[in-house]
């Protein structure tokens, strides 16, 4: 018993020494990305992955490789799990079940059509699920979560980095153009909030676009966006079930219910029941974002820029179609007065 109690701290200390250099570097890159975002208005996720790519050589160093891999995997899961504290059933009641049903239909349609579209441009279904989920749900965060349950392929890291960069870039363009489009189409502040929250990929860009119109639009857009974030858990669960079925007999199968998805659902349920102290929600949200930015930086550090170029123009065109398609799916019921 004494020997066991002595070896556990020793093993823990060895693991920390092995992981610390890579994790510390990922944190430094994430902090640099946050600095650029705070001072120059650049999207933090985009800065994190681009800065990370510049330090790709570190992921091949024996001293730092393990920590970078740890940050890209474990920090991601912890960050997504903590997102559960940002959503609750109160948001659904605030927006109305009718529009929530429309959002669910738009998300499901975007993902399913993306899987079909992937085959038409010579990509596999996993790539369609990855890009479709990131466009339909919550941008880089969704891409990271979905990638964690996809079968490992030779192009996994490259496809993930491409998706994070592209979807963040599209989200930034949408943050600028969509408020102008909503005004040109005669949408009032309420409908503009529904449109922005239902279409822009990343939470930060939704907030930026919404509050650039008005406080009411910003509040509504943020709530709608967080409802889309809620759909990440069932999407990942359904994806994991599908992957288990299609990968039977083909190596390691994804878990039936990823632990971070379970944690997301538990925290969302606790928040819905008002069992989480209000004072904890904002710090948890900040921690979640910090973990996700660090995970994105680590993914960038594992990505070769040369391999990223190999994705090709067809994949970029596919993301363009997905983005425009989602905007049309959300706009149609708004323009028809269904909401």
C-alpha atoms as a PDB file:
ATOM      1  CA  UNK A   1       0.000   0.000   0.000  1.00  0.00           C
ATOM      2  CA  UNK A   2       2.841   2.355   0.920  1.00  0.00           C
ATOM      3  CA  UNK A   3       4.687   1.538  -2.290  1.00  0.00           C
ATOM      4  CA  UNK A   4       1.508   2.192  -4.349  1.00  0.00           C
ATOM      5  CA  UNK A   5       0.934   5.549  -2.649  1.00  0.00           C
ATOM      6  CA  UNK A   6       4.525   6.542  -3.388  1.00  0.00           C
ATOM      7  CA  UNK A   7       4.534   5.488  -7.039  1.00  0.00           C
ATOM      8  CA  UNK A   8       1.355   7.337  -7.988  1.00  0.00           C
ATOM      9  CA  UNK A   9       2.750  10.839  -7.216  1.00  0.00           C
ATOM     10  CA  UNK A  10       5.975   9.863  -8.983  1.00  0.00           C
ATOM     11  CA  UNK A  11       4.102   8.781 -12.132  1.00  0.00           C
ATOM     12  CA  UNK A  12       2.024  11.971 -11.978  1.00  0.00           C
ATOM     13  CA  UNK A  13       5.128  14.121 -11.679  1.00  0.00           C
ATOM     14  CA  UNK A  14       6.717  12.321 -14.641  1.00  0.00           C
ATOM     15  CA  UNK A  15       3.565  12.865 -16.733  1.00  0.00           C
ATOM     16  CA  UNK A  16       3.514  16.556 -15.844  1.00  0.00           C
ATOM     17  CA  UNK A  17       7.182  16.949 -16.779  1.00  0.00           C
ATOM     18  CA  UNK A  18       6.524  15.214 -20.095  1.00  0.00           C
ATOM     19  CA  UNK A  19       3.443  17.300 -20.959  1.00  0.00           C
ATOM     20  CA  UNK A  20       4.406  20.701 -19.540  1.00  0.00           C
ATOM     21  CA  UNK A  21       6.644  22.032 -22.368  1.00  0.00           C
ATOM     22  CA  UNK A  22       4.085  21.377 -25.136  1.00  0.00           C
ATOM     23  CA  UNK A  23       1.096  22.562 -23.102  1.00  0.00           C
ATOM     24  CA  UNK A  24       2.968  25.723 -22.062  1.00  0.00           C
ATOM     25  CA  UNK A  25       3.805  26.513 -25.681  1.00  0.00           C
ATOM     26  CA  UNK A  26       0.183  26.030 -26.741  1.00  0.00           C
ATOM     27  CA  UNK A  27      -0.901  28.381 -23.950  1.00  0.00           C
ATOM     28  CA  UNK A  28       1.626  31.006 -25.049  1.00  0.00           C
ATOM     29  CA  UNK A  29       0.361  30.834 -28.652  1.00  0.00           C
ATOM     30  CA  UNK A  30      -3.233  31.116 -27.391  1.00  0.00           C
ATOM     31  CA  UNK A  31      -2.330  34.160 -25.282  1.00  0.00           C
ATOM     32  CA  UNK A  32      -0.688  35.797 -28.288  1.00  0.00           C
ATOM     33  CA  UNK A  33      -3.835  35.134 -30.339  1.00  0.00           C
ATOM     34  CA  UNK A  34      -6.006  36.647 -27.604  1.00  0.00           C
ATOM     35  CA  UNK A  35      -3.734  39.727 -27.495  1.00  0.00           C
ATOM     36  CA  UNK A  36      -4.140  40.227 -31.254  1.00  0.00           C
ATOM     37  CA  UNK A  37      -7.891  39.782 -30.933  1.00  0.00           C
ATOM     38  CA  UNK A  38      -8.209  42.237 -28.025  1.00  0.00           C
ATOM     39  CA  UNK A  39      -6.024  44.950 -29.557  1.00  0.00           C
ATOM     40  CA  UNK A  40      -6.643  44.626 -33.286  1.00  0.00           C
ATOM     41  CA  UNK A  41     -10.097  43.023 -33.519  1.00  0.00           C
ATOM     42  CA  UNK A  42      -8.834  39.885 -35.285  1.00  0.00           C
ATOM     43  CA  UNK A  43     -10.898  36.688 -34.754  1.00  0.00           C
ATOM     44  CA  UNK A  44      -9.180  34.879 -31.894  1.00  0.00           C
ATOM     45  CA  UNK A  45      -9.748  31.364 -33.280  1.00  0.00           C
ATOM     46  CA  UNK A  46      -8.307  32.328 -36.653  1.00  0.00           C
ATOM     47  CA  UNK A  47      -5.281  33.950 -35.018  1.00  0.00           C
ATOM     48  CA  UNK A  48      -4.753  30.925 -32.766  1.00  0.00           C
ATOM     49  CA  UNK A  49      -4.621  28.415 -35.581  1.00  0.00           C
ATOM     50  CA  UNK A  50      -2.540  30.611 -37.917  1.00  0.00           C
ATOM     51  CA  UNK A  51       0.012  31.335 -35.202  1.00  0.00           C
ATOM     52  CA  UNK A  52       0.004  27.663 -34.303  1.00  0.00           C
ATOM     53  CA  UNK A  53       0.759  26.621 -37.891  1.00  0.00           C
ATOM     54  CA  UNK A  54       3.847  28.865 -37.807  1.00  0.00           C
ATOM     55  CA  UNK A  55       5.180  26.673 -34.967  1.00  0.00           C
ATOM     56  CA  UNK A  56       4.357  23.346 -36.629  1.00  0.00           C
ATOM     57  CA  UNK A  57       7.961  22.166 -36.201  1.00  0.00           C
ATOM     58  CA  UNK A  58       7.449  22.006 -32.422  1.00  0.00           C
ATOM     59  CA  UNK A  59       4.936  19.171 -32.780  1.00  0.00           C
ATOM     60  CA  UNK A  60       7.732  17.063 -34.240  1.00  0.00           C
ATOM     61  CA  UNK A  61      10.116  17.696 -31.335  1.00  0.00           C
ATOM     62  CA  UNK A  62      10.255  14.879 -28.797  1.00  0.00           C
ATOM     63  CA  UNK A  63      10.177  17.288 -25.853  1.00  0.00           C
ATOM     64  CA  UNK A  64       7.025  19.158 -26.917  1.00  0.00           C
ATOM     65  CA  UNK A  65       5.003  16.715 -29.071  1.00  0.00           C
ATOM     66  CA  UNK A  66       3.196  14.965 -26.198  1.00  0.00           C
ATOM     67  CA  UNK A  67       2.045  18.202 -24.549  1.00  0.00           C
ATOM     68  CA  UNK A  68       0.801  19.685 -27.826  1.00  0.00           C
ATOM     69  CA  UNK A  69      -1.186  16.517 -28.560  1.00  0.00           C
ATOM     70  CA  UNK A  70      -2.588  16.595 -25.004  1.00  0.00           C
ATOM     71  CA  UNK A  71      -3.696  20.225 -25.335  1.00  0.00           C
ATOM     72  CA  UNK A  72      -5.366  19.599 -28.703  1.00  0.00           C
ATOM     73  CA  UNK A  73      -7.356  16.682 -27.309  1.00  0.00           C
ATOM     74  CA  UNK A  74      -8.040  17.143 -23.583  1.00  0.00           C
ATOM     75  CA  UNK A  75      -8.427  20.931 -23.539  1.00  0.00           C
ATOM     76  CA  UNK A  76     -10.912  20.611 -26.391  1.00  0.00           C
ATOM     77  CA  UNK A  77     -13.126  18.163 -24.520  1.00  0.00           C
ATOM     78  CA  UNK A  78     -13.039  20.201 -21.311  1.00  0.00           C
ATOM     79  CA  UNK A  79     -13.857  23.417 -23.184  1.00  0.00           C
ATOM     80  CA  UNK A  80     -16.827  21.886 -25.010  1.00  0.00           C
ATOM     81  CA  UNK A  81     -18.143  20.320 -21.790  1.00  0.00           C
ATOM     82  CA  UNK A  82     -18.124  23.706 -20.032  1.00  0.00           C
ATOM     83  CA  UNK A  83     -20.188  25.186 -22.865  1.00  0.00           C
ATOM     84  CA  UNK A  84     -23.111  23.372 -21.239  1.00  0.00           C
ATOM     85  CA  UNK A  85     -23.236  26.085 -18.581  1.00  0.00           C
ATOM     86  CA  UNK A  86     -24.085  28.653 -21.257  1.00  0.00           C
ATOM     87  CA  UNK A  87     -27.331  27.010 -22.386  1.00  0.00           C
ATOM     88  CA  UNK A  88     -30.661  26.280 -20.724  1.00  0.00           C
ATOM     89  CA  UNK A  89     -34.334  25.654 -21.456  1.00  0.00           C
ATOM     90  CA  UNK A  90     -35.061  29.272 -20.528  1.00  0.00           C
ATOM     91  CA  UNK A  91     -33.451  30.276 -23.833  1.00  0.00           C
ATOM     92  CA  UNK A  92     -35.836  28.041 -25.756  1.00  0.00           C
ATOM     93  CA  UNK A  93     -38.854  29.554 -24.051  1.00  0.00           C
ATOM     94  CA  UNK A  94     -37.549  33.061 -24.732  1.00  0.00           C
ATOM     95  CA  UNK A  95     -37.268  32.501 -28.491  1.00  0.00           C
ATOM     96  CA  UNK A  96     -40.306  30.249 -28.894  1.00  0.00           C
ATOM     97  CA  UNK A  97     -40.577  26.596 -29.841  1.00  0.00           C
ATOM     98  CA  UNK A  98     -41.601  27.438 -33.413  1.00  0.00           C
ATOM     99  CA  UNK A  99     -38.325  29.097 -34.327  1.00  0.00           C
ATOM    100  CA  UNK A 100     -36.365  26.502 -32.358  1.00  0.00           C
ATOM    101  CA  UNK A 101     -37.956  23.825 -34.560  1.00  0.00           C
ATOM    102  CA  UNK A 102     -36.904  25.813 -37.637  1.00  0.00           C
ATOM    103  CA  UNK A 103     -33.329  26.043 -36.343  1.00  0.00           C
ATOM    104  CA  UNK A 104     -33.212  22.296 -35.668  1.00  0.00           C
ATOM    105  CA  UNK A 105     -34.504  21.602 -39.185  1.00  0.00           C
ATOM    106  CA  UNK A 106     -31.943  23.989 -40.720  1.00  0.00           C
ATOM    107  CA  UNK A 107     -29.062  22.410 -38.801  1.00  0.00           C
ATOM    108  CA  UNK A 108     -30.104  18.867 -39.717  1.00  0.00           C
ATOM    109  CA  UNK A 109     -30.658  19.789 -43.370  1.00  0.00           C
ATOM    110  CA  UNK A 110     -27.287  21.551 -43.623  1.00  0.00           C
ATOM    111  CA  UNK A 111     -25.414  18.560 -42.179  1.00  0.00           C
ATOM    112  CA  UNK A 112     -27.224  15.962 -44.301  1.00  0.00           C
ATOM    113  CA  UNK A 113     -26.797  17.951 -47.519  1.00  0.00           C
ATOM    114  CA  UNK A 114     -23.139  18.524 -46.650  1.00  0.00           C
ATOM    115  CA  UNK A 115     -22.558  14.775 -46.381  1.00  0.00           C
ATOM    116  CA  UNK A 116     -24.141  14.314 -49.808  1.00  0.00           C
ATOM    117  CA  UNK A 117     -22.241  17.268 -51.263  1.00  0.00           C
ATOM    118  CA  UNK A 118     -18.923  15.852 -50.050  1.00  0.00           C
ATOM    119  CA  UNK A 119     -19.310  12.883 -52.366  1.00  0.00           C
ATOM    120  CA  UNK A 120     -19.942  15.176 -55.341  1.00  0.00           C
ATOM    121  CA  UNK A 121     -16.639  17.024 -54.799  1.00  0.00           C
ATOM    122  CA  UNK A 122     -14.612  13.881 -54.231  1.00  0.00           C
ATOM    123  CA  UNK A 123     -14.447  13.986 -50.428  1.00  0.00           C
ATOM    124  CA  UNK A 124     -15.576  11.371 -47.931  1.00  0.00           C
ATOM    125  CA  UNK A 125     -18.634  11.560 -45.688  1.00  0.00           C
ATOM    126  CA  UNK A 126     -16.508  12.327 -42.626  1.00  0.00           C
ATOM    127  CA  UNK A 127     -15.328  15.550 -44.268  1.00  0.00           C
ATOM    128  CA  UNK A 128     -18.924  16.455 -45.113  1.00  0.00           C
ATOM    129  CA  UNK A 129     -20.004  15.828 -41.522  1.00  0.00           C
ATOM    130  CA  UNK A 130     -17.068  17.851 -40.189  1.00  0.00           C
ATOM    131  CA  UNK A 131     -17.641  20.919 -42.364  1.00  0.00           C
ATOM    132  CA  UNK A 132     -21.443  20.704 -42.269  1.00  0.00           C
ATOM    133  CA  UNK A 133     -21.504  20.485 -38.485  1.00  0.00           C
ATOM    134  CA  UNK A 134     -19.112  23.408 -38.083  1.00  0.00           C
ATOM    135  CA  UNK A 135     -21.206  25.618 -40.400  1.00  0.00           C
ATOM    136  CA  UNK A 136     -24.552  24.548 -38.962  1.00  0.00           C
ATOM    137  CA  UNK A 137     -23.764  24.621 -35.238  1.00  0.00           C
ATOM    138  CA  UNK A 138     -20.937  26.696 -33.801  1.00  0.00           C
ATOM    139  CA  UNK A 139     -17.951  27.023 -36.079  1.00  0.00           C
ATOM    140  CA  UNK A 140     -14.525  26.070 -34.766  1.00  0.00           C
ATOM    141  CA  UNK A 141     -15.868  24.592 -31.500  1.00  0.00           C
ATOM    142  CA  UNK A 142     -18.165  22.239 -33.386  1.00  0.00           C
ATOM    143  CA  UNK A 143     -15.398  21.294 -35.815  1.00  0.00           C
ATOM    144  CA  UNK A 144     -13.125  20.351 -32.924  1.00  0.00           C
ATOM    145  CA  UNK A 145     -15.821  18.337 -31.136  1.00  0.00           C
ATOM    146  CA  UNK A 146     -16.936  16.470 -34.265  1.00  0.00           C
ATOM    147  CA  UNK A 147     -13.342  15.714 -35.280  1.00  0.00           C
ATOM    148  CA  UNK A 148     -12.808  14.005 -31.923  1.00  0.00           C
ATOM    149  CA  UNK A 149     -15.330  11.262 -32.757  1.00  0.00           C
ATOM    150  CA  UNK A 150     -14.392  10.757 -36.411  1.00  0.00           C
ATOM    151  CA  UNK A 151     -12.199   7.781 -37.378  1.00  0.00           C
ATOM    152  CA  UNK A 152      -8.533   8.723 -37.566  1.00  0.00           C
ATOM    153  CA  UNK A 153      -7.384   9.147 -41.167  1.00  0.00           C
ATOM    154  CA  UNK A 154      -4.194  10.344 -42.779  1.00  0.00           C
ATOM    155  CA  UNK A 155      -5.835  13.683 -43.551  1.00  0.00           C
ATOM    156  CA  UNK A 156      -7.609  14.183 -40.206  1.00  0.00           C
ATOM    157  CA  UNK A 157      -5.428  16.986 -38.842  1.00  0.00           C
ATOM    158  CA  UNK A 158      -5.249  18.733 -42.210  1.00  0.00           C
ATOM    159  CA  UNK A 159      -9.022  18.636 -42.716  1.00  0.00           C
ATOM    160  CA  UNK A 160      -9.670  19.926 -39.206  1.00  0.00           C
ATOM    161  CA  UNK A 161      -7.246  22.833 -39.568  1.00  0.00           C
ATOM    162  CA  UNK A 162      -8.711  23.721 -42.975  1.00  0.00           C
ATOM    163  CA  UNK A 163     -12.228  23.683 -41.546  1.00  0.00           C
ATOM    164  CA  UNK A 164     -11.334  25.849 -38.536  1.00  0.00           C
ATOM    165  CA  UNK A 165      -9.565  28.433 -40.714  1.00  0.00           C
ATOM    166  CA  UNK A 166     -12.254  28.528 -43.404  1.00  0.00           C
ATOM    167  CA  UNK A 167     -15.286  28.576 -41.136  1.00  0.00           C
ATOM    168  CA  UNK A 168     -13.758  31.333 -38.981  1.00  0.00           C
ATOM    169  CA  UNK A 169     -12.993  33.396 -42.075  1.00  0.00           C
ATOM    170  CA  UNK A 170     -16.547  32.929 -43.401  1.00  0.00           C
ATOM    171  CA  UNK A 171     -17.931  33.820 -39.980  1.00  0.00           C
ATOM    172  CA  UNK A 172     -15.945  37.063 -39.940  1.00  0.00           C
ATOM    173  CA  UNK A 173     -17.191  38.024 -43.405  1.00  0.00           C
ATOM    174  CA  UNK A 174     -20.761  37.196 -42.342  1.00  0.00           C
ATOM    175  CA  UNK A 175     -20.379  39.393 -39.239  1.00  0.00           C
ATOM    176  CA  UNK A 176     -19.804  42.341 -41.564  1.00  0.00           C
ATOM    177  CA  UNK A 177     -22.178  41.526 -44.430  1.00  0.00           C
ATOM    178  CA  UNK A 178     -25.206  39.940 -42.759  1.00  0.00           C
ATOM    179  CA  UNK A 179     -26.366  43.039 -40.799  1.00  0.00           C
ATOM    180  CA  UNK A 180     -26.198  45.001 -44.065  1.00  0.00           C
ATOM    181  CA  UNK A 181     -28.143  42.235 -45.841  1.00  0.00           C
ATOM    182  CA  UNK A 182     -30.799  42.147 -43.106  1.00  0.00           C
ATOM    183  CA  UNK A 183     -31.270  45.906 -43.330  1.00  0.00           C
ATOM    184  CA  UNK A 184     -31.526  45.774 -47.138  1.00  0.00           C
ATOM    185  CA  UNK A 185     -34.214  43.087 -46.865  1.00  0.00           C
ATOM    186  CA  UNK A 186     -36.260  45.175 -44.439  1.00  0.00           C
ATOM    187  CA  UNK A 187     -35.930  42.918 -41.382  1.00  0.00           C
ATOM    188  CA  UNK A 188     -36.734  44.615 -38.080  1.00  0.00           C
ATOM    189  CA  UNK A 189     -34.456  44.354 -35.036  1.00  0.00           C
ATOM    190  CA  UNK A 190     -36.147  41.187 -33.737  1.00  0.00           C
ATOM    191  CA  UNK A 191     -36.028  39.328 -37.050  1.00  0.00           C
ATOM    192  CA  UNK A 192     -32.462  40.531 -37.660  1.00  0.00           C
ATOM    193  CA  UNK A 193     -31.457  38.964 -34.332  1.00  0.00           C
ATOM    194  CA  UNK A 194     -33.079  35.676 -35.335  1.00  0.00           C
ATOM    195  CA  UNK A 195     -31.294  35.757 -38.702  1.00  0.00           C
ATOM    196  CA  UNK A 196     -27.849  36.594 -37.315  1.00  0.00           C
ATOM    197  CA  UNK A 197     -28.063  34.049 -34.505  1.00  0.00           C
ATOM    198  CA  UNK A 198     -29.324  31.360 -36.850  1.00  0.00           C
ATOM    199  CA  UNK A 199     -26.677  31.767 -39.544  1.00  0.00           C
ATOM    200  CA  UNK A 200     -23.289  33.103 -38.368  1.00  0.00           C
ATOM    201  CA  UNK A 201     -20.909  30.312 -37.419  1.00  0.00           C
ATOM    202  CA  UNK A 202     -18.954  31.435 -34.324  1.00  0.00           C
ATOM    203  CA  UNK A 203     -20.409  32.838 -31.096  1.00  0.00           C
ATOM    204  CA  UNK A 204     -18.019  35.804 -30.973  1.00  0.00           C
ATOM    205  CA  UNK A 205     -18.978  36.951 -34.473  1.00  0.00           C
ATOM    206  CA  UNK A 206     -22.683  36.566 -33.669  1.00  0.00           C
ATOM    207  CA  UNK A 207     -22.241  38.843 -30.663  1.00  0.00           C
ATOM    208  CA  UNK A 208     -20.278  41.350 -32.738  1.00  0.00           C
ATOM    209  CA  UNK A 209     -22.840  41.422 -35.537  1.00  0.00           C
ATOM    210  CA  UNK A 210     -25.887  41.517 -33.255  1.00  0.00           C
ATOM    211  CA  UNK A 211     -24.804  44.347 -30.989  1.00  0.00           C
ATOM    212  CA  UNK A 212     -23.595  46.361 -33.978  1.00  0.00           C
ATOM    213  CA  UNK A 213     -27.302  46.684 -34.881  1.00  0.00           C
ATOM    214  CA  UNK A 214     -28.846  47.226 -31.433  1.00  0.00           C
ATOM    215  CA  UNK A 215     -28.943  45.821 -27.904  1.00  0.00           C
ATOM    216  CA  UNK A 216     -32.207  43.997 -28.637  1.00  0.00           C
ATOM    217  CA  UNK A 217     -30.789  42.428 -31.787  1.00  0.00           C
ATOM    218  CA  UNK A 218     -27.620  41.415 -29.932  1.00  0.00           C
ATOM    219  CA  UNK A 219     -29.544  39.768 -27.091  1.00  0.00           C
ATOM    220  CA  UNK A 220     -31.781  37.799 -29.455  1.00  0.00           C
ATOM    221  CA  UNK A 221     -28.906  36.778 -31.744  1.00  0.00           C
ATOM    222  CA  UNK A 222     -26.857  35.515 -28.798  1.00  0.00           C
ATOM    223  CA  UNK A 223     -29.723  33.423 -27.428  1.00  0.00           C
ATOM    224  CA  UNK A 224     -30.440  31.875 -30.839  1.00  0.00           C
ATOM    225  CA  UNK A 225     -26.756  31.107 -31.290  1.00  0.00           C
ATOM    226  CA  UNK A 226     -26.549  29.381 -27.920  1.00  0.00           C
ATOM    227  CA  UNK A 227     -29.565  27.271 -28.869  1.00  0.00           C
ATOM    228  CA  UNK A 228     -27.540  26.128 -31.894  1.00  0.00           C
ATOM    229  CA  UNK A 229     -24.651  25.363 -29.519  1.00  0.00           C
ATOM    230  CA  UNK A 230     -27.036  23.113 -27.570  1.00  0.00           C
ATOM    231  CA  UNK A 231     -27.466  21.012 -30.711  1.00  0.00           C
ATOM    232  CA  UNK A 232     -23.765  20.107 -30.617  1.00  0.00           C
ATOM    233  CA  UNK A 233     -24.346  17.358 -28.029  1.00  0.00           C
ATOM    234  CA  UNK A 234     -27.053  15.404 -29.916  1.00  0.00           C
ATOM    235  CA  UNK A 235     -25.171  15.896 -33.189  1.00  0.00           C
ATOM    236  CA  UNK A 236     -21.974  14.425 -31.743  1.00  0.00           C
ATOM    237  CA  UNK A 237     -23.936  11.583 -30.136  1.00  0.00           C
ATOM    238  CA  UNK A 238     -25.717  10.693 -33.381  1.00  0.00           C
ATOM    239  CA  UNK A 239     -22.424  10.957 -35.246  1.00  0.00           C
ATOM    240  CA  UNK A 240     -20.705   8.650 -32.739  1.00  0.00           C
ATOM    241  CA  UNK A 241     -23.490   6.084 -33.119  1.00  0.00           C
ATOM    242  CA  UNK A 242     -23.212   6.218 -36.907  1.00  0.00           C
ATOM    243  CA  UNK A 243     -19.432   5.896 -36.764  1.00  0.00           C
ATOM    244  CA  UNK A 244     -19.661   2.862 -34.493  1.00  0.00           C
ATOM    245  CA  UNK A 245     -21.925   1.156 -36.979  1.00  0.00           C
ATOM    246  CA  UNK A 246     -19.782   1.926 -40.013  1.00  0.00           C
ATOM    247  CA  UNK A 247     -16.450   1.142 -38.349  1.00  0.00           C
ATOM    248  CA  UNK A 248     -17.414  -2.250 -36.907  1.00  0.00           C
ATOM    249  CA  UNK A 249     -14.616  -4.683 -37.600  1.00  0.00           C
ATOM    250  CA  UNK A 250     -12.380  -1.837 -38.823  1.00  0.00           C
ATOM    251  CA  UNK A 251     -10.271  -1.073 -35.754  1.00  0.00           C
ATOM    252  CA  UNK A 252     -11.095   1.045 -32.750  1.00  0.00           C
ATOM    253  CA  UNK A 253     -14.700   2.223 -32.596  1.00  0.00           C
ATOM    254  CA  UNK A 254     -15.732   5.632 -31.239  1.00  0.00           C
ATOM    255  CA  UNK A 255     -17.315   5.581 -27.756  1.00  0.00           C
ATOM    256  CA  UNK A 256     -21.086   5.219 -27.610  1.00  0.00           C
ATOM    257  CA  UNK A 257     -21.402   8.407 -25.557  1.00  0.00           C
ATOM    258  CA  UNK A 258     -18.263  10.570 -25.398  1.00  0.00           C
ATOM    259  CA  UNK A 259     -17.584  11.667 -21.839  1.00  0.00           C
ATOM    260  CA  UNK A 260     -17.370  15.356 -22.754  1.00  0.00           C
ATOM    261  CA  UNK A 261     -20.824  15.174 -24.379  1.00  0.00           C
ATOM    262  CA  UNK A 262     -22.230  13.602 -21.215  1.00  0.00           C
ATOM    263  CA  UNK A 263     -20.643  16.391 -19.172  1.00  0.00           C
ATOM    264  CA  UNK A 264     -22.095  19.015 -21.553  1.00  0.00           C
ATOM    265  CA  UNK A 265     -25.605  17.585 -21.139  1.00  0.00           C
ATOM    266  CA  UNK A 266     -25.301  17.293 -17.351  1.00  0.00           C
ATOM    267  CA  UNK A 267     -24.106  20.887 -16.979  1.00  0.00           C
ATOM    268  CA  UNK A 268     -26.844  22.143 -19.328  1.00  0.00           C
ATOM    269  CA  UNK A 269     -29.455  20.274 -17.277  1.00  0.00           C
ATOM    270  CA  UNK A 270     -28.103  21.707 -14.013  1.00  0.00           C
ATOM    271  CA  UNK A 271     -28.158  25.188 -15.509  1.00  0.00           C
ATOM    272  CA  UNK A 272     -31.731  24.700 -16.739  1.00  0.00           C
ATOM    273  CA  UNK A 273     -32.772  23.698 -13.208  1.00  0.00           C
ATOM    274  CA  UNK A 274     -30.995  26.802 -11.828  1.00  0.00           C
ATOM    275  CA  UNK A 275     -28.734  24.654  -9.668  1.00  0.00           C
ATOM    276  CA  UNK A 276     -25.549  26.381 -10.821  1.00  0.00           C
ATOM    277  CA  UNK A 277     -24.625  29.547  -8.879  1.00  0.00           C
ATOM    278  CA  UNK A 278     -24.755  32.596 -11.132  1.00  0.00           C
ATOM    279  CA  UNK A 279     -21.328  33.648  -9.922  1.00  0.00           C
ATOM    280  CA  UNK A 280     -19.816  30.503 -11.484  1.00  0.00           C
ATOM    281  CA  UNK A 281     -21.309  30.813 -14.970  1.00  0.00           C
ATOM    282  CA  UNK A 282     -19.215  33.731 -16.252  1.00  0.00           C
ATOM    283  CA  UNK A 283     -15.863  32.357 -14.987  1.00  0.00           C
ATOM    284  CA  UNK A 284     -16.758  28.939 -16.447  1.00  0.00           C
ATOM    285  CA  UNK A 285     -17.580  30.574 -19.776  1.00  0.00           C
ATOM    286  CA  UNK A 286     -14.230  32.388 -19.770  1.00  0.00           C
ATOM    287  CA  UNK A 287     -12.400  29.164 -18.891  1.00  0.00           C
ATOM    288  CA  UNK A 288     -14.240  27.298 -21.651  1.00  0.00           C
ATOM    289  CA  UNK A 289     -13.220  29.854 -24.240  1.00  0.00           C
ATOM    290  CA  UNK A 290      -9.612  29.847 -23.034  1.00  0.00           C
ATOM    291  CA  UNK A 291      -9.432  26.062 -23.255  1.00  0.00           C
ATOM    292  CA  UNK A 292     -10.896  26.057 -26.759  1.00  0.00           C
ATOM    293  CA  UNK A 293      -8.513  28.754 -27.992  1.00  0.00           C
ATOM    294  CA  UNK A 294      -5.576  26.785 -26.570  1.00  0.00           C
ATOM    295  CA  UNK A 295      -6.846  23.592 -28.197  1.00  0.00           C
ATOM    296  CA  UNK A 296      -7.164  25.361 -31.560  1.00  0.00           C
ATOM    297  CA  UNK A 297      -3.620  26.714 -31.176  1.00  0.00           C
ATOM    298  CA  UNK A 298      -2.385  23.166 -30.500  1.00  0.00           C
ATOM    299  CA  UNK A 299      -4.211  21.855 -33.576  1.00  0.00           C
ATOM    300  CA  UNK A 300      -2.480  24.555 -35.608  1.00  0.00           C
ATOM    301  CA  UNK A 301       0.877  23.470 -34.211  1.00  0.00           C
ATOM    302  CA  UNK A 302       0.148  19.933 -35.420  1.00  0.00           C
ATOM    303  CA  UNK A 303      -0.763  21.145 -38.924  1.00  0.00           C
ATOM    304  CA  UNK A 304       1.606  21.485 -41.849  1.00  0.00           C
ATOM    305  CA  UNK A 305       0.866  24.477 -44.091  1.00  0.00           C
ATOM    306  CA  UNK A 306       2.050  22.514 -47.119  1.00  0.00           C
ATOM    307  CA  UNK A 307      -0.457  19.750 -46.467  1.00  0.00           C
ATOM    308  CA  UNK A 308      -3.189  22.323 -45.817  1.00  0.00           C
ATOM    309  CA  UNK A 309      -2.894  23.574 -49.397  1.00  0.00           C
ATOM    310  CA  UNK A 310      -3.604  20.034 -50.623  1.00  0.00           C
ATOM    311  CA  UNK A 311      -7.247  20.307 -49.510  1.00  0.00           C
ATOM    312  CA  UNK A 312      -8.022  22.078 -52.780  1.00  0.00           C
ATOM    313  CA  UNK A 313     -10.458  24.655 -54.123  1.00  0.00           C
ATOM    314  CA  UNK A 314     -13.370  22.225 -54.290  1.00  0.00           C
ATOM    315  CA  UNK A 315     -13.443  21.972 -50.492  1.00  0.00           C
ATOM    316  CA  UNK A 316     -13.443  25.776 -50.147  1.00  0.00           C
ATOM    317  CA  UNK A 317     -16.284  25.993 -52.681  1.00  0.00           C
ATOM    318  CA  UNK A 318     -18.142  23.383 -50.647  1.00  0.00           C
ATOM    319  CA  UNK A 319     -17.908  25.522 -47.507  1.00  0.00           C
ATOM    320  CA  UNK A 320     -19.140  28.510 -49.505  1.00  0.00           C
ATOM    321  CA  UNK A 321     -22.203  26.568 -50.629  1.00  0.00           C
ATOM    322  CA  UNK A 322     -22.836  25.375 -47.059  1.00  0.00           C
ATOM    323  CA  UNK A 323     -22.659  28.919 -45.676  1.00  0.00           C
ATOM    324  CA  UNK A 324     -24.928  30.431 -48.320  1.00  0.00           C
ATOM    325  CA  UNK A 325     -27.304  27.470 -48.066  1.00  0.00           C
ATOM    326  CA  UNK A 326     -27.735  27.883 -44.300  1.00  0.00           C
ATOM    327  CA  UNK A 327     -28.410  31.602 -44.717  1.00  0.00           C
ATOM    328  CA  UNK A 328     -31.130  30.839 -47.284  1.00  0.00           C
ATOM    329  CA  UNK A 329     -32.699  28.133 -45.105  1.00  0.00           C
ATOM    330  CA  UNK A 330     -33.029  30.566 -42.182  1.00  0.00           C
ATOM    331  CA  UNK A 331     -34.108  33.548 -44.300  1.00  0.00           C
ATOM    332  CA  UNK A 332     -36.988  31.810 -46.082  1.00  0.00           C
ATOM    333  CA  UNK A 333     -39.288  31.367 -43.036  1.00  0.00           C
ATOM    334  CA  UNK A 334     -38.377  34.858 -41.797  1.00  0.00           C
ATOM    335  CA  UNK A 335     -39.327  36.463 -45.128  1.00  0.00           C
ATOM    336  CA  UNK A 336     -42.519  34.378 -45.361  1.00  0.00           C
ATOM    337  CA  UNK A 337     -43.602  35.538 -41.900  1.00  0.00           C
ATOM    338  CA  UNK A 338     -43.692  31.983 -40.491  1.00  0.00           C
ATOM    339  CA  UNK A 339     -41.934  33.157 -37.322  1.00  0.00           C
END
